[in-house]
Amino acid sequence: MKKTKKSKNQKQTSSIVTTISPVLLWMIILVAIPLVIVFIMGFLTRGIYGQVEYIFTFQNYADLLKPMYVQIFVYSLWISLITTLICLVLAYPFAYFIANVKAKYKVLLFMLIIIPFWTNSLVRTYAWMIILGTNGIINSYLLQFGVIKEPLKLLYTNGAVILGLVYTLFPFMVLPLYASIEGLDKSYVEAASDLGASPLQAFLRVTLPLTMSGVAAGSVLVFIPSLGLFFIPDLLGGSKTMLISNLIQNQFLTARNWPFGSAVSILLIIITIIFIILYFNKSRNKGLEVM
């Protein structure tokens, strides 16, 4: 009997290994090895002509403490935080509305979220440049109707960058919120109303706390990508907006300082891991509280 169980366990283990082996192989080739290369390169030296010299140094990471780079990191976190908050404020009512409409309308509303994904995000960013430009759609109509006398400066501003980030990342906030609100037990809200709570009180004290898992998941899905979408600040912000993603791009493509670019990339990865760990710890503690 014991031998039979042992052989069955061995077969199950062998089957699992066989199943996940291709995935592990691709993860090692496409994720693990590139990360190791980037990590090692962060400790190397840039040559006179932009080549990588195999001279070990901590200078690349020490340079990250320079005031100029610290300012870029803080500003990047600030832009990402604003983007996340705007997405949350706009997405929560939309997700709540989808969760409470009839099933036949949900498909249409979800299509409104999914359809933009059919077009490349870079193309959609160029469309925003046409809309916000000095001779763009908005300025043209405002001038035509006499609302303004000269074109507004809408493009190449921080507002344009935030608008582009919000537009691109909005669906990533809606979907987790919808899943969380859809799974909410409505009897809790009804009980709060029966006990005399107003709709606002019921939302703040019942609905919102019970859907915080969706809020946390959506915030992570928006905050982390907003740190790495370099083409949106590059196109909509011009040279006036320098975020951590643009710094990495410039170091690899323009300055040809791959070691320092690798060090900045590792810093961005560390920031990402920290937020993911905080999210999972929060989710785990929330699960323990429910239990």
C-alpha atoms as a PDB file:
ATOM      1  CA  MET A   1       0.000   0.000   0.000  1.00  0.00           C
ATOM      2  CA  LYS A   2       2.769   2.421   0.953  1.00  0.00           C
ATOM      3  CA  LYS A   3       4.669   1.563  -2.249  1.00  0.00           C
ATOM      4  CA  THR A   4       1.541   2.239  -4.313  1.00  0.00           C
ATOM      5  CA  LYS A   5       1.055   5.671  -2.699  1.00  0.00           C
ATOM      6  CA  LYS A   6       4.749   6.420  -3.114  1.00  0.00           C
ATOM      7  CA  SER A   7       4.719   5.532  -6.826  1.00  0.00           C
ATOM      8  CA  LYS A   8       1.530   7.570  -7.312  1.00  0.00           C
ATOM      9  CA  ASN A   9       3.141  10.596  -5.659  1.00  0.00           C
ATOM     10  CA  GLN A  10       6.232  10.157  -7.806  1.00  0.00           C
ATOM     11  CA  LYS A  11       4.083  10.029 -10.947  1.00  0.00           C
ATOM     12  CA  GLN A  12       2.232  13.201  -9.892  1.00  0.00           C
ATOM     13  CA  THR A  13       5.509  14.969  -9.156  1.00  0.00           C
ATOM     14  CA  SER A  14       6.929  13.848 -12.503  1.00  0.00           C
ATOM     15  CA  SER A  15       3.775  15.039 -14.280  1.00  0.00           C
ATOM     16  CA  ILE A  16       3.962  18.465 -12.594  1.00  0.00           C
ATOM     17  CA  VAL A  17       7.652  18.831 -13.456  1.00  0.00           C
ATOM     18  CA  THR A  18       6.945  17.860 -17.073  1.00  0.00           C
ATOM     19  CA  THR A  19       4.117  20.397 -17.256  1.00  0.00           C
ATOM     20  CA  ILE A  20       5.992  23.366 -15.817  1.00  0.00           C
ATOM     21  CA  SER A  21       9.401  22.613 -17.345  1.00  0.00           C
ATOM     22  CA  PRO A  22       8.755  24.604 -20.569  1.00  0.00           C
ATOM     23  CA  VAL A  23       7.486  27.556 -18.512  1.00  0.00           C
ATOM     24  CA  LEU A  24      10.519  27.426 -16.218  1.00  0.00           C
ATOM     25  CA  LEU A  25      12.830  27.207 -19.214  1.00  0.00           C
ATOM     26  CA  TRP A  26      11.320  30.292 -20.842  1.00  0.00           C
ATOM     27  CA  MET A  27      11.304  32.177 -17.522  1.00  0.00           C
ATOM     28  CA  ILE A  28      14.989  31.410 -17.031  1.00  0.00           C
ATOM     29  CA  ILE A  29      15.912  32.447 -20.585  1.00  0.00           C
ATOM     30  CA  LEU A  30      13.692  35.540 -20.890  1.00  0.00           C
ATOM     31  CA  VAL A  31      13.571  36.806 -17.284  1.00  0.00           C
ATOM     32  CA  ALA A  32      16.200  35.373 -14.955  1.00  0.00           C
ATOM     33  CA  ILE A  33      19.239  35.573 -17.258  1.00  0.00           C
ATOM     34  CA  PRO A  34      18.520  39.152 -18.471  1.00  0.00           C
ATOM     35  CA  LEU A  35      18.002  40.271 -14.861  1.00  0.00           C
ATOM     36  CA  VAL A  36      21.325  38.732 -13.830  1.00  0.00           C
ATOM     37  CA  ILE A  37      23.062  40.466 -16.755  1.00  0.00           C
ATOM     38  CA  VAL A  38      21.513  43.836 -15.835  1.00  0.00           C
ATOM     39  CA  PHE A  39      22.429  43.365 -12.168  1.00  0.00           C
ATOM     40  CA  ILE A  40      26.060  42.515 -12.966  1.00  0.00           C
ATOM     41  CA  MET A  41      26.339  45.350 -15.493  1.00  0.00           C
ATOM     42  CA  GLY A  42      25.311  47.818 -12.775  1.00  0.00           C
ATOM     43  CA  PHE A  43      28.681  47.164 -11.111  1.00  0.00           C
ATOM     44  CA  LEU A  44      30.751  47.670 -14.274  1.00  0.00           C
ATOM     45  CA  THR A  45      32.290  50.820 -15.739  1.00  0.00           C
ATOM     46  CA  ARG A  46      31.508  52.918 -18.808  1.00  0.00           C
ATOM     47  CA  GLY A  47      34.434  53.342 -21.159  1.00  0.00           C
ATOM     48  CA  ILE A  48      35.534  56.576 -22.823  1.00  0.00           C
ATOM     49  CA  TYR A  49      33.692  55.746 -26.053  1.00  0.00           C
ATOM     50  CA  GLY A  50      30.576  54.325 -24.375  1.00  0.00           C
ATOM     51  CA  GLN A  51      31.705  50.725 -24.274  1.00  0.00           C
ATOM     52  CA  VAL A  52      31.303  48.597 -21.154  1.00  0.00           C
ATOM     53  CA  GLU A  53      34.566  47.943 -19.315  1.00  0.00           C
ATOM     54  CA  TYR A  54      34.749  44.996 -16.944  1.00  0.00           C
ATOM     55  CA  ILE A  55      36.050  47.023 -14.012  1.00  0.00           C
ATOM     56  CA  PHE A  56      34.100  46.443 -10.788  1.00  0.00           C
ATOM     57  CA  THR A  57      32.758  49.595  -9.092  1.00  0.00           C
ATOM     58  CA  PHE A  58      29.993  50.839  -6.789  1.00  0.00           C
ATOM     59  CA  GLN A  59      30.077  54.287  -8.377  1.00  0.00           C
ATOM     60  CA  ASN A  60      26.947  53.703 -10.476  1.00  0.00           C
ATOM     61  CA  TYR A  61      24.842  53.098  -7.368  1.00  0.00           C
ATOM     62  CA  ALA A  62      26.575  55.943  -5.517  1.00  0.00           C
ATOM     63  CA  ASP A  63      25.594  58.289  -8.355  1.00  0.00           C
ATOM     64  CA  LEU A  64      21.945  57.504  -7.647  1.00  0.00           C
ATOM     65  CA  LEU A  65      22.248  59.606  -4.481  1.00  0.00           C
ATOM     66  CA  LYS A  66      23.084  62.755  -6.428  1.00  0.00           C
ATOM     67  CA  PRO A  67      20.430  65.475  -5.884  1.00  0.00           C
ATOM     68  CA  MET A  68      19.524  65.556  -9.580  1.00  0.00           C
ATOM     69  CA  TYR A  69      18.666  61.848  -9.684  1.00  0.00           C
ATOM     70  CA  VAL A  70      16.972  61.870  -6.287  1.00  0.00           C
ATOM     71  CA  GLN A  71      14.737  64.668  -7.582  1.00  0.00           C
ATOM     72  CA  ILE A  72      13.864  62.578 -10.653  1.00  0.00           C
ATOM     73  CA  PHE A  73      12.987  59.571  -8.471  1.00  0.00           C
ATOM     74  CA  VAL A  74      10.802  61.625  -6.124  1.00  0.00           C
ATOM     75  CA  TYR A  75       9.094  63.366  -9.037  1.00  0.00           C
ATOM     76  CA  SER A  76       8.445  60.009 -10.745  1.00  0.00           C
ATOM     77  CA  LEU A  77       6.848  58.621  -7.586  1.00  0.00           C
ATOM     78  CA  TRP A  78       4.749  61.782  -7.278  1.00  0.00           C
ATOM     79  CA  ILE A  79       3.483  61.582 -10.891  1.00  0.00           C
ATOM     80  CA  SER A  80       2.699  57.870 -10.451  1.00  0.00           C
ATOM     81  CA  LEU A  81       0.840  58.579  -7.203  1.00  0.00           C
ATOM     82  CA  ILE A  82      -1.281  61.308  -8.818  1.00  0.00           C
ATOM     83  CA  THR A  83      -2.016  59.015 -11.777  1.00  0.00           C
ATOM     84  CA  THR A  84      -3.093  56.221  -9.434  1.00  0.00           C
ATOM     85  CA  LEU A  85      -5.366  58.490  -7.393  1.00  0.00           C
ATOM     86  CA  ILE A  86      -7.050  59.943 -10.497  1.00  0.00           C
ATOM     87  CA  CYS A  87      -7.577  56.459 -11.937  1.00  0.00           C
ATOM     88  CA  LEU A  88      -9.061  55.319  -8.624  1.00  0.00           C
ATOM     89  CA  VAL A  89     -11.450  58.281  -8.339  1.00  0.00           C
ATOM     90  CA  LEU A  90     -12.645  57.831 -11.935  1.00  0.00           C
ATOM     91  CA  ALA A  91     -12.665  54.036 -12.052  1.00  0.00           C
ATOM     92  CA  TYR A  92     -14.494  53.250  -8.801  1.00  0.00           C
ATOM     93  CA  PRO A  93     -17.856  54.823  -9.813  1.00  0.00           C
ATOM     94  CA  PHE A  94     -17.518  53.292 -13.279  1.00  0.00           C
ATOM     95  CA  ALA A  95     -16.781  49.817 -11.887  1.00  0.00           C
ATOM     96  CA  TYR A  96     -19.598  50.194  -9.332  1.00  0.00           C
ATOM     97  CA  PHE A  97     -22.000  51.137 -12.112  1.00  0.00           C
ATOM     98  CA  ILE A  98     -20.970  48.138 -14.248  1.00  0.00           C
ATOM     99  CA  ALA A  99     -21.377  45.774 -11.300  1.00  0.00           C
ATOM    100  CA  ASN A 100     -24.951  46.926 -10.692  1.00  0.00           C
ATOM    101  CA  VAL A 101     -26.378  47.197 -14.221  1.00  0.00           C
ATOM    102  CA  LYS A 102     -28.200  44.448 -16.066  1.00  0.00           C
ATOM    103  CA  ALA A 103     -26.098  41.711 -17.638  1.00  0.00           C
ATOM    104  CA  LYS A 104     -26.923  42.755 -21.219  1.00  0.00           C
ATOM    105  CA  TYR A 105     -25.435  46.209 -20.613  1.00  0.00           C
ATOM    106  CA  LYS A 106     -22.279  44.898 -18.949  1.00  0.00           C
ATOM    107  CA  VAL A 107     -20.983  43.546 -22.255  1.00  0.00           C
ATOM    108  CA  LEU A 108     -21.340  46.967 -23.889  1.00  0.00           C
ATOM    109  CA  LEU A 109     -19.631  48.747 -20.998  1.00  0.00           C
ATOM    110  CA  PHE A 110     -16.776  46.239 -20.947  1.00  0.00           C
ATOM    111  CA  MET A 111     -16.361  46.750 -24.674  1.00  0.00           C
ATOM    112  CA  LEU A 112     -15.830  50.449 -24.022  1.00  0.00           C
ATOM    113  CA  ILE A 113     -12.872  49.467 -21.813  1.00  0.00           C
ATOM    114  CA  ILE A 114     -11.446  46.742 -24.048  1.00  0.00           C
ATOM    115  CA  ILE A 115     -11.750  48.407 -27.485  1.00  0.00           C
ATOM    116  CA  PRO A 116      -8.839  50.860 -26.882  1.00  0.00           C
ATOM    117  CA  PHE A 117      -6.568  47.824 -26.367  1.00  0.00           C
ATOM    118  CA  TRP A 118      -7.156  46.914 -30.016  1.00  0.00           C
ATOM    119  CA  THR A 119      -4.941  49.863 -30.960  1.00  0.00           C
ATOM    120  CA  ASN A 120      -1.306  50.106 -29.936  1.00  0.00           C
ATOM    121  CA  SER A 121      -0.779  52.439 -26.972  1.00  0.00           C
ATOM    122  CA  LEU A 122       1.950  54.288 -28.863  1.00  0.00           C
ATOM    123  CA  VAL A 123      -0.510  55.100 -31.655  1.00  0.00           C
ATOM    124  CA  ARG A 124      -3.075  56.299 -29.113  1.00  0.00           C
ATOM    125  CA  THR A 125      -0.446  58.545 -27.539  1.00  0.00           C
ATOM    126  CA  TYR A 126       0.258  60.118 -30.921  1.00  0.00           C
ATOM    127  CA  ALA A 127      -3.502  60.705 -31.231  1.00  0.00           C
ATOM    128  CA  TRP A 128      -3.394  62.671 -27.970  1.00  0.00           C
ATOM    129  CA  MET A 129      -0.582  64.773 -29.424  1.00  0.00           C
ATOM    130  CA  ILE A 130      -2.881  65.692 -32.313  1.00  0.00           C
ATOM    131  CA  ILE A 131      -5.717  66.500 -29.912  1.00  0.00           C
ATOM    132  CA  LEU A 132      -3.630  68.602 -27.500  1.00  0.00           C
ATOM    133  CA  GLY A 133      -1.296  70.295 -29.969  1.00  0.00           C
ATOM    134  CA  THR A 134      -1.175  74.050 -30.589  1.00  0.00           C
ATOM    135  CA  ASN A 135      -3.032  73.492 -33.867  1.00  0.00           C
ATOM    136  CA  GLY A 136      -4.841  70.469 -32.473  1.00  0.00           C
ATOM    137  CA  ILE A 137      -8.524  69.673 -32.264  1.00  0.00           C
ATOM    138  CA  ILE A 138      -9.182  71.336 -28.886  1.00  0.00           C
ATOM    139  CA  ASN A 139      -7.429  74.612 -29.696  1.00  0.00           C
ATOM    140  CA  SER A 140      -8.934  74.728 -33.186  1.00  0.00           C
ATOM    141  CA  TYR A 141     -12.518  74.510 -31.912  1.00  0.00           C
ATOM    142  CA  LEU A 142     -11.917  76.912 -28.999  1.00  0.00           C
ATOM    143  CA  LEU A 143     -10.459  79.479 -31.407  1.00  0.00           C
ATOM    144  CA  GLN A 144     -13.228  78.899 -33.923  1.00  0.00           C
ATOM    145  CA  PHE A 145     -15.987  79.559 -31.365  1.00  0.00           C
ATOM    146  CA  GLY A 146     -14.160  82.545 -29.878  1.00  0.00           C
ATOM    147  CA  VAL A 147     -13.633  80.981 -26.451  1.00  0.00           C
ATOM    148  CA  ILE A 148      -9.924  81.837 -26.531  1.00  0.00           C
ATOM    149  CA  LYS A 149      -7.891  84.384 -28.496  1.00  0.00           C
ATOM    150  CA  GLU A 150      -4.651  82.398 -28.714  1.00  0.00           C
ATOM    151  CA  PRO A 151      -3.900  78.658 -28.501  1.00  0.00           C
ATOM    152  CA  LEU A 152      -3.637  77.099 -25.053  1.00  0.00           C
ATOM    153  CA  LYS A 153      -0.431  75.312 -24.079  1.00  0.00           C
ATOM    154  CA  LEU A 154      -1.841  71.839 -23.519  1.00  0.00           C
ATOM    155  CA  LEU A 155       0.918  69.680 -24.967  1.00  0.00           C
ATOM    156  CA  TYR A 156       4.379  69.210 -23.417  1.00  0.00           C
ATOM    157  CA  THR A 157       3.102  69.811 -19.882  1.00  0.00           C
ATOM    158  CA  ASN A 158       2.861  67.707 -16.742  1.00  0.00           C
ATOM    159  CA  GLY A 159      -0.916  67.717 -17.158  1.00  0.00           C
ATOM    160  CA  ALA A 160      -0.569  66.138 -20.605  1.00  0.00           C
ATOM    161  CA  VAL A 161       1.700  63.427 -19.171  1.00  0.00           C
ATOM    162  CA  ILE A 162      -0.761  62.619 -16.374  1.00  0.00           C
ATOM    163  CA  LEU A 163      -3.641  62.608 -18.867  1.00  0.00           C
ATOM    164  CA  GLY A 164      -1.810  60.141 -21.094  1.00  0.00           C
ATOM    165  CA  LEU A 165      -0.932  57.866 -18.161  1.00  0.00           C
ATOM    166  CA  VAL A 166      -4.491  57.924 -16.812  1.00  0.00           C
ATOM    167  CA  TYR A 167      -5.947  57.201 -20.248  1.00  0.00           C
ATOM    168  CA  THR A 168      -3.580  54.272 -20.818  1.00  0.00           C
ATOM    169  CA  LEU A 169      -3.816  52.699 -17.345  1.00  0.00           C
ATOM    170  CA  PHE A 170      -7.501  53.359 -16.548  1.00  0.00           C
ATOM    171  CA  PRO A 171      -8.661  49.829 -17.550  1.00  0.00           C
ATOM    172  CA  PHE A 172      -6.123  48.255 -15.190  1.00  0.00           C
ATOM    173  CA  MET A 173      -7.896  50.004 -12.317  1.00  0.00           C
ATOM    174  CA  VAL A 174     -11.438  49.243 -13.468  1.00  0.00           C
ATOM    175  CA  LEU A 175     -11.120  45.473 -13.839  1.00  0.00           C
ATOM    176  CA  PRO A 176      -9.874  44.632 -10.289  1.00  0.00           C
ATOM    177  CA  LEU A 177     -12.416  47.060  -8.817  1.00  0.00           C
ATOM    178  CA  TYR A 178     -15.222  45.459 -10.793  1.00  0.00           C
ATOM    179  CA  ALA A 179     -14.220  41.959  -9.646  1.00  0.00           C
ATOM    180  CA  SER A 180     -14.144  43.137  -6.023  1.00  0.00           C
ATOM    181  CA  ILE A 181     -17.470  45.002  -6.182  1.00  0.00           C
ATOM    182  CA  GLU A 182     -19.171  42.190  -8.105  1.00  0.00           C
ATOM    183  CA  GLY A 183     -18.213  39.721  -5.354  1.00  0.00           C
ATOM    184  CA  LEU A 184     -19.513  41.980  -2.589  1.00  0.00           C
ATOM    185  CA  ASP A 185     -22.331  40.504  -0.515  1.00  0.00           C
ATOM    186  CA  LYS A 186     -25.126  43.072  -0.968  1.00  0.00           C
ATOM    187  CA  SER A 187     -26.813  41.930   2.256  1.00  0.00           C
ATOM    188  CA  TYR A 188     -24.207  43.905   4.251  1.00  0.00           C
ATOM    189  CA  VAL A 189     -25.222  47.109   2.493  1.00  0.00           C
ATOM    190  CA  GLU A 190     -28.892  46.323   3.031  1.00  0.00           C
ATOM    191  CA  ALA A 191     -28.254  45.658   6.719  1.00  0.00           C
ATOM    192  CA  ALA A 192     -26.474  49.017   7.048  1.00  0.00           C
ATOM    193  CA  SER A 193     -29.471  50.762   5.439  1.00  0.00           C
ATOM    194  CA  ASP A 194     -31.883  48.946   7.761  1.00  0.00           C
ATOM    195  CA  LEU A 195     -29.839  50.196  10.731  1.00  0.00           C
ATOM    196  CA  GLY A 196     -30.312  53.801   9.603  1.00  0.00           C
ATOM    197  CA  ALA A 197     -27.124  54.427   7.630  1.00  0.00           C
ATOM    198  CA  SER A 198     -27.359  56.894   4.762  1.00  0.00           C
ATOM    199  CA  PRO A 199     -26.113  55.806   1.292  1.00  0.00           C
ATOM    200  CA  LEU A 200     -22.869  57.722   1.883  1.00  0.00           C
ATOM    201  CA  GLN A 201     -22.349  56.156   5.321  1.00  0.00           C
ATOM    202  CA  ALA A 202     -23.106  52.688   3.945  1.00  0.00           C
ATOM    203  CA  PHE A 203     -20.550  53.224   1.192  1.00  0.00           C
ATOM    204  CA  LEU A 204     -17.801  54.563   3.480  1.00  0.00           C
ATOM    205  CA  ARG A 205     -18.305  52.068   6.301  1.00  0.00           C
ATOM    206  CA  VAL A 206     -19.379  48.916   4.423  1.00  0.00           C
ATOM    207  CA  THR A 207     -18.817  48.937   0.645  1.00  0.00           C
ATOM    208  CA  LEU A 208     -15.430  50.643   0.541  1.00  0.00           C
ATOM    209  CA  PRO A 209     -13.767  48.580   3.328  1.00  0.00           C
ATOM    210  CA  LEU A 210     -15.054  45.323   1.810  1.00  0.00           C
ATOM    211  CA  THR A 211     -13.690  46.213  -1.630  1.00  0.00           C
ATOM    212  CA  MET A 212     -10.270  47.397  -0.482  1.00  0.00           C
ATOM    213  CA  SER A 213      -8.684  44.299  -2.046  1.00  0.00           C
ATOM    214  CA  GLY A 214      -9.772  45.588  -5.461  1.00  0.00           C
ATOM    215  CA  VAL A 215      -8.550  49.086  -4.606  1.00  0.00           C
ATOM    216  CA  ALA A 216      -5.141  47.709  -3.575  1.00  0.00           C
ATOM    217  CA  ALA A 217      -4.839  45.437  -6.620  1.00  0.00           C
ATOM    218  CA  GLY A 218      -5.844  48.207  -9.026  1.00  0.00           C
ATOM    219  CA  SER A 219      -3.475  50.678  -7.379  1.00  0.00           C
ATOM    220  CA  VAL A 220      -0.547  48.283  -7.787  1.00  0.00           C
ATOM    221  CA  LEU A 221      -1.487  47.569 -11.424  1.00  0.00           C
ATOM    222  CA  VAL A 222      -1.540  51.306 -12.177  1.00  0.00           C
ATOM    223  CA  PHE A 223       1.279  52.613  -9.981  1.00  0.00           C
ATOM    224  CA  ILE A 224       3.970  50.179 -11.097  1.00  0.00           C
ATOM    225  CA  PRO A 225       3.456  50.494 -14.894  1.00  0.00           C
ATOM    226  CA  SER A 226       3.231  54.294 -14.602  1.00  0.00           C
ATOM    227  CA  LEU A 227       6.856  54.240 -13.419  1.00  0.00           C
ATOM    228  CA  GLY A 228       8.005  52.412 -16.539  1.00  0.00           C
ATOM    229  CA  LEU A 229       5.969  53.877 -19.430  1.00  0.00           C
ATOM    230  CA  PHE A 230       8.764  56.019 -20.842  1.00  0.00           C
ATOM    231  CA  PHE A 231       7.156  56.854 -24.206  1.00  0.00           C
ATOM    232  CA  ILE A 232       4.191  58.749 -22.707  1.00  0.00           C
ATOM    233  CA  PRO A 233       6.311  61.325 -20.796  1.00  0.00           C
ATOM    234  CA  ASP A 234       8.662  61.439 -23.771  1.00  0.00           C
ATOM    235  CA  LEU A 235       5.924  62.277 -26.297  1.00  0.00           C
ATOM    236  CA  LEU A 236       3.406  64.234 -24.224  1.00  0.00           C
ATOM    237  CA  GLY A 237       5.877  65.894 -21.864  1.00  0.00           C
ATOM    238  CA  GLY A 238       8.675  66.597 -24.299  1.00  0.00           C
ATOM    239  CA  SER A 239      12.046  67.483 -22.823  1.00  0.00           C
ATOM    240  CA  LYS A 240      10.416  69.217 -19.850  1.00  0.00           C
ATOM    241  CA  THR A 241       9.334  66.007 -18.125  1.00  0.00           C
ATOM    242  CA  MET A 242      12.052  63.595 -16.991  1.00  0.00           C
ATOM    243  CA  LEU A 243      10.867  60.514 -15.139  1.00  0.00           C
ATOM    244  CA  ILE A 244      12.806  57.482 -14.014  1.00  0.00           C
ATOM    245  CA  SER A 245      11.702  55.572 -17.124  1.00  0.00           C
ATOM    246  CA  ASN A 246      13.024  58.353 -19.395  1.00  0.00           C
ATOM    247  CA  LEU A 247      16.291  58.379 -17.438  1.00  0.00           C
ATOM    248  CA  ILE A 248      16.787  54.670 -18.124  1.00  0.00           C
ATOM    249  CA  GLN A 249      15.969  55.147 -21.808  1.00  0.00           C
ATOM    250  CA  ASN A 250      18.405  58.044 -22.138  1.00  0.00           C
ATOM    251  CA  GLN A 251      21.224  56.183 -20.422  1.00  0.00           C
ATOM    252  CA  PHE A 252      20.910  53.202 -22.754  1.00  0.00           C
ATOM    253  CA  LEU A 253      20.134  54.943 -26.058  1.00  0.00           C
ATOM    254  CA  THR A 254      21.574  58.464 -25.847  1.00  0.00           C
ATOM    255  CA  ALA A 255      24.292  58.670 -23.179  1.00  0.00           C
ATOM    256  CA  ARG A 256      25.402  55.087 -23.875  1.00  0.00           C
ATOM    257  CA  ASN A 257      26.080  54.591 -20.185  1.00  0.00           C
ATOM    258  CA  TRP A 258      24.771  51.063 -19.867  1.00  0.00           C
ATOM    259  CA  PRO A 259      26.223  50.423 -16.387  1.00  0.00           C
ATOM    260  CA  PHE A 260      24.451  53.433 -14.873  1.00  0.00           C
ATOM    261  CA  GLY A 261      21.274  52.646 -16.824  1.00  0.00           C
ATOM    262  CA  SER A 262      21.414  49.122 -15.387  1.00  0.00           C
ATOM    263  CA  ALA A 263      21.819  50.506 -11.865  1.00  0.00           C
ATOM    264  CA  VAL A 264      18.732  52.712 -12.342  1.00  0.00           C
ATOM    265  CA  SER A 265      16.832  49.719 -13.739  1.00  0.00           C
ATOM    266  CA  ILE A 266      17.709  47.645 -10.675  1.00  0.00           C
ATOM    267  CA  LEU A 267      16.473  50.488  -8.458  1.00  0.00           C
ATOM    268  CA  LEU A 268      13.168  50.517 -10.365  1.00  0.00           C
ATOM    269  CA  ILE A 269      12.882  46.737  -9.967  1.00  0.00           C
ATOM    270  CA  ILE A 270      13.513  47.052  -6.209  1.00  0.00           C
ATOM    271  CA  ILE A 271      10.789  49.714  -5.930  1.00  0.00           C
ATOM    272  CA  THR A 272       8.405  47.430  -7.824  1.00  0.00           C
ATOM    273  CA  ILE A 273       9.190  44.444  -5.586  1.00  0.00           C
ATOM    274  CA  ILE A 274       8.643  46.550  -2.458  1.00  0.00           C
ATOM    275  CA  PHE A 275       5.159  47.583  -3.587  1.00  0.00           C
ATOM    276  CA  ILE A 276       4.265  44.006  -4.564  1.00  0.00           C
ATOM    277  CA  ILE A 277       5.412  42.716  -1.145  1.00  0.00           C
ATOM    278  CA  LEU A 278       3.401  45.437   0.610  1.00  0.00           C
ATOM    279  CA  TYR A 279       0.339  44.467  -1.433  1.00  0.00           C
ATOM    280  CA  PHE A 280       0.619  40.754  -0.635  1.00  0.00           C
ATOM    281  CA  ASN A 281       1.278  41.433   3.059  1.00  0.00           C
ATOM    282  CA  LYS A 282      -1.773  43.668   3.186  1.00  0.00           C
ATOM    283  CA  SER A 283      -3.886  41.044   1.411  1.00  0.00           C
ATOM    284  CA  ARG A 284      -2.640  38.311   3.756  1.00  0.00           C
ATOM    285  CA  ASN A 285      -3.368  40.394   6.870  1.00  0.00           C
ATOM    286  CA  LYS A 286      -6.812  41.209   5.480  1.00  0.00           C
ATOM    287  CA  GLY A 287      -7.461  37.522   4.934  1.00  0.00           C
ATOM    288  CA  LEU A 288      -6.425  36.713   8.500  1.00  0.00           C
ATOM    289  CA  GLU A 289      -8.762  39.428   9.821  1.00  0.00           C
ATOM    290  CA  VAL A 290     -11.666  37.934   7.873  1.00  0.00           C
ATOM    291  CA  MET A 291     -10.874  34.461   9.219  1.00  0.00           C
END
